[in-house]
C-alpha cells in the first residue's frame, strides 16, 4: 500500500525524462526479483554493477507485422469508374 508521484528525478534510469512524469500511482513495490536475486527491497535498490545482461530483441514486438498488415488491408482504396453519362 502507499502512493507516490512518478518523477524522472527519482527513477533509476539513465535518462532525464519520464513519460509518466507527475502521475500519482497507488501501490509501491516492496520486493523485486531479477535472476533469482532481490534487487529492490523496502525502497532500497540493491543491484550489482555488471550483473545485468543484454537480451537481443527485435525493435517491434512479434505482433507488429500483423498489426501493420491489418492497417494496410483496412486502408480505403480508390475505386476507378468510367464517368457517368446517363440522364441527370
N, C-alpha and C. Protein backbone atom coordinates (compact mmCIF):
# COMPACT_ATOMS: atom_id res chain seq x y z
N UNK A 1 0.83 -1.18 0.00
CA UNK A 1 0.00 0.00 0.00
C UNK A 1 0.87 1.24 0.00
N UNK A 2 0.30 2.32 -0.44
CA UNK A 2 1.01 3.58 -0.47
C UNK A 2 0.83 4.27 -1.80
N UNK A 3 1.19 5.54 -1.85
CA UNK A 3 1.10 6.33 -3.08
C UNK A 3 2.42 7.04 -3.30
N UNK A 4 2.69 7.31 -4.56
CA UNK A 4 3.86 8.11 -4.89
C UNK A 4 3.63 8.79 -6.22
N UNK A 5 4.40 9.84 -6.47
CA UNK A 5 4.31 10.57 -7.72
C UNK A 5 5.52 10.20 -8.58
N UNK A 6 5.27 9.79 -9.80
CA UNK A 6 6.35 9.38 -10.70
C UNK A 6 7.13 10.61 -11.14
N UNK A 7 8.45 10.51 -11.10
CA UNK A 7 9.30 11.63 -11.49
C UNK A 7 10.63 11.11 -12.04
N UNK A 8 11.16 11.81 -13.03
CA UNK A 8 12.46 11.43 -13.59
C UNK A 8 13.57 11.67 -12.56
N UNK A 9 13.31 12.50 -11.57
CA UNK A 9 14.32 12.79 -10.55
C UNK A 9 14.49 11.64 -9.56
N UNK A 10 13.49 10.75 -9.49
CA UNK A 10 13.57 9.67 -8.51
C UNK A 10 13.67 8.28 -9.12
N UNK A 11 13.60 8.17 -10.46
CA UNK A 11 13.71 6.82 -11.02
C UNK A 11 15.17 6.42 -11.22
N UNK A 12 15.39 5.15 -11.43
CA UNK A 12 16.75 4.61 -11.52
C UNK A 12 17.06 4.25 -12.97
N UNK A 13 17.08 5.26 -13.83
CA UNK A 13 17.37 5.06 -15.24
C UNK A 13 18.32 6.16 -15.69
N UNK A 14 19.02 5.91 -16.78
CA UNK A 14 19.99 6.89 -17.27
C UNK A 14 19.36 7.82 -18.31
N UNK A 15 18.15 8.28 -18.05
CA UNK A 15 17.50 9.26 -18.91
C UNK A 15 16.93 10.36 -18.03
N UNK A 16 16.74 11.54 -18.60
CA UNK A 16 16.31 12.68 -17.80
C UNK A 16 14.83 13.04 -17.98
N UNK A 17 14.02 12.07 -18.44
CA UNK A 17 12.60 12.33 -18.57
C UNK A 17 11.83 11.04 -18.27
N UNK A 18 10.55 11.20 -18.04
CA UNK A 18 9.68 10.05 -17.83
C UNK A 18 8.33 10.40 -18.44
N UNK A 19 7.81 9.55 -19.31
CA UNK A 19 6.55 9.84 -19.98
C UNK A 19 5.39 9.90 -19.00
N UNK A 20 5.57 9.36 -17.81
CA UNK A 20 4.52 9.38 -16.78
C UNK A 20 4.79 10.46 -15.73
N UNK A 21 5.64 11.40 -16.04
CA UNK A 21 6.03 12.47 -15.11
C UNK A 21 4.81 13.11 -14.44
N UNK A 22 4.83 13.16 -13.13
CA UNK A 22 3.77 13.82 -12.38
C UNK A 22 2.55 12.96 -12.08
N UNK A 23 2.49 11.74 -12.64
CA UNK A 23 1.33 10.88 -12.41
C UNK A 23 1.43 10.27 -11.00
N UNK A 24 0.33 10.35 -10.27
CA UNK A 24 0.30 9.73 -8.94
C UNK A 24 -0.20 8.30 -9.08
N UNK A 25 0.52 7.37 -8.48
CA UNK A 25 0.15 5.96 -8.57
C UNK A 25 -0.07 5.40 -7.17
N UNK A 26 -0.94 4.41 -7.11
CA UNK A 26 -1.21 3.73 -5.85
C UNK A 26 -0.58 2.35 -5.91
N UNK A 27 0.12 1.99 -4.88
CA UNK A 27 0.79 0.70 -4.83
C UNK A 27 2.28 0.87 -5.04
N UNK A 28 3.05 0.55 -4.05
CA UNK A 28 4.50 0.70 -4.12
C UNK A 28 5.12 -0.69 -3.97
N UNK A 29 6.04 -1.06 -4.85
CA UNK A 29 6.65 -2.39 -4.73
C UNK A 29 7.46 -2.51 -3.45
N UNK A 30 7.41 -3.68 -2.84
CA UNK A 30 8.18 -3.94 -1.64
C UNK A 30 9.43 -4.74 -2.02
N UNK A 31 9.26 -5.71 -2.92
CA UNK A 31 10.37 -6.54 -3.38
C UNK A 31 10.32 -6.66 -4.90
N UNK A 32 11.50 -6.72 -5.51
CA UNK A 32 11.62 -7.02 -6.93
C UNK A 32 12.74 -8.04 -7.07
N UNK A 33 12.47 -9.08 -7.85
CA UNK A 33 13.46 -10.13 -8.08
C UNK A 33 13.99 -10.04 -9.50
N UNK A 34 15.27 -10.29 -9.68
CA UNK A 34 15.88 -10.36 -11.00
C UNK A 34 16.89 -11.50 -11.00
N UNK A 35 16.67 -12.46 -11.88
CA UNK A 35 17.55 -13.62 -11.99
C UNK A 35 17.72 -14.32 -10.64
N UNK A 36 16.64 -14.35 -9.85
CA UNK A 36 16.65 -15.03 -8.57
C UNK A 36 17.20 -14.23 -7.41
N UNK A 37 17.64 -13.00 -7.65
CA UNK A 37 18.18 -12.16 -6.59
C UNK A 37 17.19 -11.03 -6.26
N UNK A 38 17.15 -10.63 -5.00
CA UNK A 38 16.34 -9.48 -4.60
C UNK A 38 17.11 -8.23 -4.99
N UNK A 39 16.53 -7.41 -5.88
CA UNK A 39 17.22 -6.19 -6.33
C UNK A 39 16.53 -4.92 -5.83
N UNK A 40 15.35 -5.06 -5.27
CA UNK A 40 14.64 -3.91 -4.67
C UNK A 40 13.97 -4.42 -3.41
N UNK A 41 14.31 -3.81 -2.28
CA UNK A 41 13.71 -4.25 -1.02
C UNK A 41 13.40 -3.04 -0.16
N UNK A 42 12.11 -2.86 0.14
CA UNK A 42 11.64 -1.80 1.02
C UNK A 42 12.20 -0.42 0.64
N UNK A 43 12.14 -0.09 -0.64
CA UNK A 43 12.57 1.23 -1.10
C UNK A 43 14.05 1.38 -1.35
N UNK A 44 14.81 0.31 -1.25
CA UNK A 44 16.26 0.38 -1.45
C UNK A 44 16.66 -0.46 -2.66
N UNK A 45 17.40 0.17 -3.60
CA UNK A 45 17.90 -0.52 -4.77
C UNK A 45 19.16 -1.29 -4.39
N UNK A 46 19.18 -2.59 -4.66
CA UNK A 46 20.30 -3.45 -4.27
C UNK A 46 20.84 -4.19 -5.49
N UNK A 47 21.38 -3.46 -6.43
CA UNK A 47 21.92 -4.10 -7.63
C UNK A 47 23.44 -4.18 -7.56
N UNK A 48 23.99 -5.03 -8.42
CA UNK A 48 25.44 -5.18 -8.51
C UNK A 48 25.83 -4.79 -9.93
N UNK A 49 26.74 -3.83 -10.06
CA UNK A 49 27.17 -3.36 -11.38
C UNK A 49 27.74 -4.54 -12.18
N UNK A 50 27.28 -4.67 -13.42
CA UNK A 50 27.76 -5.73 -14.30
C UNK A 50 26.97 -7.03 -14.20
N UNK A 51 26.02 -7.10 -13.29
CA UNK A 51 25.23 -8.33 -13.11
C UNK A 51 24.20 -8.51 -14.21
N UNK A 52 23.72 -7.40 -14.80
CA UNK A 52 22.72 -7.49 -15.84
C UNK A 52 23.27 -8.11 -17.11
N UNK A 53 22.37 -8.44 -18.01
CA UNK A 53 22.80 -8.99 -19.29
C UNK A 53 21.90 -8.45 -20.39
N UNK A 54 22.46 -8.34 -21.56
CA UNK A 54 21.73 -7.83 -22.71
C UNK A 54 20.95 -8.97 -23.36
N UNK A 55 19.68 -8.74 -23.59
CA UNK A 55 18.85 -9.73 -24.27
C UNK A 55 18.44 -9.13 -25.60
N UNK A 56 18.94 -9.69 -26.69
CA UNK A 56 18.66 -9.17 -28.02
C UNK A 56 17.20 -9.43 -28.37
N UNK A 57 16.50 -8.37 -28.69
CA UNK A 57 15.09 -8.46 -29.06
C UNK A 57 14.84 -7.58 -30.27
N UNK A 58 13.83 -7.93 -31.07
CA UNK A 58 13.53 -7.09 -32.22
C UNK A 58 13.01 -5.72 -31.76
N UNK A 59 13.13 -4.73 -32.64
CA UNK A 59 12.69 -3.38 -32.31
C UNK A 59 11.19 -3.33 -32.03
N UNK A 60 10.44 -4.17 -32.68
CA UNK A 60 8.99 -4.18 -32.50
C UNK A 60 8.57 -5.56 -32.03
N UNK A 61 7.49 -5.66 -31.27
CA UNK A 61 7.02 -6.98 -30.84
C UNK A 61 6.59 -7.83 -32.03
N UNK A 62 6.48 -9.11 -31.82
CA UNK A 62 6.19 -10.04 -32.91
C UNK A 62 4.85 -9.78 -33.58
N UNK A 63 3.90 -9.22 -32.86
CA UNK A 63 2.60 -8.97 -33.46
C UNK A 63 2.57 -7.71 -34.31
N UNK A 64 3.65 -6.95 -34.33
CA UNK A 64 3.67 -5.67 -35.05
C UNK A 64 3.40 -5.84 -36.54
N UNK A 65 3.98 -6.85 -37.18
CA UNK A 65 3.77 -7.07 -38.61
C UNK A 65 2.30 -7.37 -38.90
N UNK A 66 1.66 -8.15 -38.01
CA UNK A 66 0.23 -8.43 -38.18
C UNK A 66 -0.58 -7.15 -38.08
N UNK A 67 -0.22 -6.28 -37.15
CA UNK A 67 -0.92 -5.01 -36.99
C UNK A 67 -0.72 -4.13 -38.23
N UNK A 68 0.51 -4.10 -38.75
CA UNK A 68 0.77 -3.33 -39.97
C UNK A 68 -0.07 -3.86 -41.14
N UNK A 69 -0.12 -5.17 -41.28
CA UNK A 69 -0.91 -5.78 -42.38
C UNK A 69 -2.38 -5.44 -42.22
N UNK A 70 -2.90 -5.51 -41.01
CA UNK A 70 -4.30 -5.17 -40.75
C UNK A 70 -4.58 -3.72 -41.16
N UNK A 71 -3.66 -2.83 -40.82
CA UNK A 71 -3.82 -1.43 -41.20
C UNK A 71 -3.80 -1.24 -42.71
N UNK A 72 -2.92 -1.99 -43.40
CA UNK A 72 -2.86 -1.90 -44.86
C UNK A 72 -4.16 -2.36 -45.50
N UNK A 73 -4.70 -3.46 -45.01
CA UNK A 73 -5.94 -4.01 -45.56
C UNK A 73 -7.11 -3.07 -45.28
N UNK A 74 -7.09 -2.41 -44.14
CA UNK A 74 -8.20 -1.53 -43.76
C UNK A 74 -8.11 -0.15 -44.41
N UNK A 75 -7.01 0.15 -45.09
CA UNK A 75 -6.86 1.45 -45.74
C UNK A 75 -7.78 1.52 -46.95
N UNK A 76 -8.62 2.56 -47.02
CA UNK A 76 -9.52 2.69 -48.17
C UNK A 76 -8.75 2.82 -49.49
N UNK A 77 -9.29 2.25 -50.52
CA UNK A 77 -8.67 2.34 -51.85
C UNK A 77 -9.63 3.03 -52.81
N UNK A 78 -9.06 3.79 -53.71
CA UNK A 78 -9.85 4.50 -54.70
C UNK A 78 -10.46 3.49 -55.67
N UNK A 79 -11.74 3.67 -55.99
CA UNK A 79 -12.43 2.82 -56.97
C UNK A 79 -12.47 3.59 -58.29
N UNK A 80 -11.87 3.02 -59.32
CA UNK A 80 -11.81 3.68 -60.63
C UNK A 80 -13.04 3.28 -61.42
N UNK A 81 -13.82 4.30 -61.86
CA UNK A 81 -15.03 4.05 -62.63
C UNK A 81 -15.04 4.98 -63.85
N UNK A 82 -15.77 4.55 -64.84
CA UNK A 82 -15.93 5.43 -66.02
C UNK A 82 -16.85 6.59 -65.63
N UNK A 83 -16.68 7.75 -66.25
CA UNK A 83 -17.53 8.89 -65.93
C UNK A 83 -19.00 8.56 -66.21
N UNK A 84 -19.90 9.11 -65.42
CA UNK A 84 -21.34 8.90 -65.57
C UNK A 84 -21.82 9.66 -66.79
N UNK A 85 -22.53 8.97 -67.67
CA UNK A 85 -23.04 9.62 -68.90
C UNK A 85 -24.56 9.53 -69.00
N UNK A 86 -25.22 9.05 -67.98
CA UNK A 86 -26.66 8.87 -68.02
C UNK A 86 -27.42 10.18 -67.79
N UNK A 87 -28.75 10.08 -67.75
CA UNK A 87 -29.58 11.26 -67.55
C UNK A 87 -29.38 11.87 -66.17
N UNK A 88 -29.59 13.16 -66.10
CA UNK A 88 -29.46 13.87 -64.84
C UNK A 88 -30.80 14.40 -64.40
